[in-house]
């Protein structure tokens, strides 16, 4: 799934620079995540960086963009034009 920033966002500016896919940007009132760019940091980190750093815990999974770990890997490869996912990462536990 892609992630979603809720209206509990305090615009602390912590998440945007940490997103490896440039999926986070300022919306009209709060930050927003482009679900077409969000891979939950699959391909970059073990855990989503925005979720780890958010001081108010306002970044849940986006219910309208359900994606498997394999789909997130495919999106990562498409966004980065990288090769296939490393074998060890394919067997990682989905979160």
C-alpha atoms as a PDB file:
ATOM      1  CA  UNK A   1       0.000   0.000   0.000  1.00  0.00           C
ATOM      2  CA  UNK A   2       1.010   3.556  -0.390  1.00  0.00           C
ATOM      3  CA  UNK A   3       1.006   5.734   2.696  1.00  0.00           C
ATOM      4  CA  UNK A   4      -1.293   8.640   3.533  1.00  0.00           C
ATOM      5  CA  UNK A   5      -0.729  11.766   5.620  1.00  0.00           C
ATOM      6  CA  UNK A   6      -3.794  12.559   7.720  1.00  0.00           C
ATOM      7  CA  UNK A   7      -5.104  15.943   8.826  1.00  0.00           C
ATOM      8  CA  UNK A   8      -3.273  15.452  12.123  1.00  0.00           C
ATOM      9  CA  UNK A   9      -0.124  16.595  10.279  1.00  0.00           C
ATOM     10  CA  UNK A  10       1.560  19.556  11.991  1.00  0.00           C
ATOM     11  CA  UNK A  11       3.688  20.524   8.957  1.00  0.00           C
ATOM     12  CA  UNK A  12       6.909  19.891  10.840  1.00  0.00           C
ATOM     13  CA  UNK A  13       8.834  19.493   7.546  1.00  0.00           C
ATOM     14  CA  UNK A  14      10.544  16.275   8.694  1.00  0.00           C
ATOM     15  CA  UNK A  15       9.068  13.813   6.191  1.00  0.00           C
ATOM     16  CA  UNK A  16       9.484  15.559   2.849  1.00  0.00           C
ATOM     17  CA  UNK A  17      13.305  15.610   2.612  1.00  0.00           C
ATOM     18  CA  UNK A  18      13.554  11.998   3.815  1.00  0.00           C
ATOM     19  CA  UNK A  19      11.367  10.489   1.076  1.00  0.00           C
ATOM     20  CA  UNK A  20      13.670   8.664  -1.372  1.00  0.00           C
ATOM     21  CA  UNK A  21      11.005   8.695  -4.105  1.00  0.00           C
ATOM     22  CA  UNK A  22      10.091  12.396  -3.842  1.00  0.00           C
ATOM     23  CA  UNK A  23       6.524  11.260  -3.165  1.00  0.00           C
ATOM     24  CA  UNK A  24       5.887  13.823  -0.405  1.00  0.00           C
ATOM     25  CA  UNK A  25       5.042  17.437  -1.160  1.00  0.00           C
ATOM     26  CA  UNK A  26       3.196  20.316   0.463  1.00  0.00           C
ATOM     27  CA  UNK A  27      -0.500  20.284  -0.304  1.00  0.00           C
ATOM     28  CA  UNK A  28      -2.919  23.151   0.220  1.00  0.00           C
ATOM     29  CA  UNK A  29      -2.809  22.836   4.015  1.00  0.00           C
ATOM     30  CA  UNK A  30      -0.687  19.823   4.941  1.00  0.00           C
ATOM     31  CA  UNK A  31       1.878  17.540   3.350  1.00  0.00           C
ATOM     32  CA  UNK A  32       0.588  14.882   0.975  1.00  0.00           C
ATOM     33  CA  UNK A  33       1.932  11.643  -0.461  1.00  0.00           C
ATOM     34  CA  UNK A  34       1.624  10.785  -4.150  1.00  0.00           C
ATOM     35  CA  UNK A  35       0.488   7.134  -4.041  1.00  0.00           C
ATOM     36  CA  UNK A  36       1.909   6.553  -7.517  1.00  0.00           C
ATOM     37  CA  UNK A  37       5.417   7.343  -6.232  1.00  0.00           C
ATOM     38  CA  UNK A  38       5.199   5.874  -2.712  1.00  0.00           C
ATOM     39  CA  UNK A  39       6.806   2.450  -2.327  1.00  0.00           C
ATOM     40  CA  UNK A  40       6.754   2.518   1.502  1.00  0.00           C
ATOM     41  CA  UNK A  41      10.530   2.865   1.034  1.00  0.00           C
ATOM     42  CA  UNK A  42      10.734  -0.647  -0.464  1.00  0.00           C
ATOM     43  CA  UNK A  43      13.981  -0.709  -2.423  1.00  0.00           C
ATOM     44  CA  UNK A  44      15.537   1.971  -0.245  1.00  0.00           C
ATOM     45  CA  UNK A  45      15.008   1.173   3.453  1.00  0.00           C
ATOM     46  CA  UNK A  46      13.584  -1.572   5.663  1.00  0.00           C
ATOM     47  CA  UNK A  47      10.898   0.753   7.070  1.00  0.00           C
ATOM     48  CA  UNK A  48       9.121   3.823   5.674  1.00  0.00           C
ATOM     49  CA  UNK A  49      11.245   6.777   6.693  1.00  0.00           C
ATOM     50  CA  UNK A  50       8.333   9.208   6.998  1.00  0.00           C
ATOM     51  CA  UNK A  51       6.531   6.889   9.423  1.00  0.00           C
ATOM     52  CA  UNK A  52       9.666   6.438  11.519  1.00  0.00           C
ATOM     53  CA  UNK A  53      10.310  10.179  11.763  1.00  0.00           C
ATOM     54  CA  UNK A  54       6.774  11.563  12.119  1.00  0.00           C
ATOM     55  CA  UNK A  55       6.427  13.100  15.601  1.00  0.00           C
ATOM     56  CA  UNK A  56       2.611  12.885  15.625  1.00  0.00           C
ATOM     57  CA  UNK A  57       2.168   9.428  14.051  1.00  0.00           C
ATOM     58  CA  UNK A  58      -0.139  10.676  11.279  1.00  0.00           C
ATOM     59  CA  UNK A  59       1.004   8.470   8.379  1.00  0.00           C
ATOM     60  CA  UNK A  60      -1.060   5.265   8.093  1.00  0.00           C
ATOM     61  CA  UNK A  61      -1.410   2.932   5.113  1.00  0.00           C
ATOM     62  CA  UNK A  62      -3.585   4.376   2.359  1.00  0.00           C
ATOM     63  CA  UNK A  63      -6.717   2.182   2.195  1.00  0.00           C
ATOM     64  CA  UNK A  64      -7.391   3.045  -1.458  1.00  0.00           C
ATOM     65  CA  UNK A  65      -3.983   1.852  -2.682  1.00  0.00           C
ATOM     66  CA  UNK A  66      -3.574  -1.763  -1.587  1.00  0.00           C
ATOM     67  CA  UNK A  67      -0.304  -3.170  -2.927  1.00  0.00           C
ATOM     68  CA  UNK A  68       1.655  -6.316  -2.143  1.00  0.00           C
ATOM     69  CA  UNK A  69       5.369  -6.228  -1.414  1.00  0.00           C
ATOM     70  CA  UNK A  70       5.956  -7.549  -4.941  1.00  0.00           C
ATOM     71  CA  UNK A  71       3.887  -4.707  -6.408  1.00  0.00           C
ATOM     72  CA  UNK A  72       5.872  -2.195  -4.329  1.00  0.00           C
ATOM     73  CA  UNK A  73       9.110  -3.721  -5.684  1.00  0.00           C
ATOM     74  CA  UNK A  74       7.765  -3.431  -9.235  1.00  0.00           C
ATOM     75  CA  UNK A  75       6.875   0.221  -8.617  1.00  0.00           C
ATOM     76  CA  UNK A  76      10.356   0.839  -7.169  1.00  0.00           C
ATOM     77  CA  UNK A  77      11.962  -0.722 -10.255  1.00  0.00           C
ATOM     78  CA  UNK A  78       9.744   1.341 -12.553  1.00  0.00           C
ATOM     79  CA  UNK A  79      10.525   4.565 -10.683  1.00  0.00           C
ATOM     80  CA  UNK A  80      14.264   3.913 -10.586  1.00  0.00           C
ATOM     81  CA  UNK A  81      14.525   1.855 -13.764  1.00  0.00           C
ATOM     82  CA  UNK A  82      16.493  -0.632 -11.680  1.00  0.00           C
ATOM     83  CA  UNK A  83      16.920  -4.313 -12.306  1.00  0.00           C
ATOM     84  CA  UNK A  84      15.153  -7.120 -10.467  1.00  0.00           C
ATOM     85  CA  UNK A  85      14.855  -7.024  -6.683  1.00  0.00           C
ATOM     86  CA  UNK A  86      17.628  -8.762  -4.736  1.00  0.00           C
ATOM     87  CA  UNK A  87      16.683 -12.356  -3.843  1.00  0.00           C
ATOM     88  CA  UNK A  88      16.984 -11.699  -0.100  1.00  0.00           C
ATOM     89  CA  UNK A  89      14.592  -8.737  -0.303  1.00  0.00           C
ATOM     90  CA  UNK A  90      11.935 -10.744  -2.182  1.00  0.00           C
ATOM     91  CA  UNK A  91      11.661 -13.098   0.756  1.00  0.00           C
ATOM     92  CA  UNK A  92      11.418 -10.300   3.322  1.00  0.00           C
ATOM     93  CA  UNK A  93       8.431 -10.269   5.603  1.00  0.00           C
ATOM     94  CA  UNK A  94       5.649  -8.014   4.367  1.00  0.00           C
ATOM     95  CA  UNK A  95       4.715  -5.316   6.835  1.00  0.00           C
END
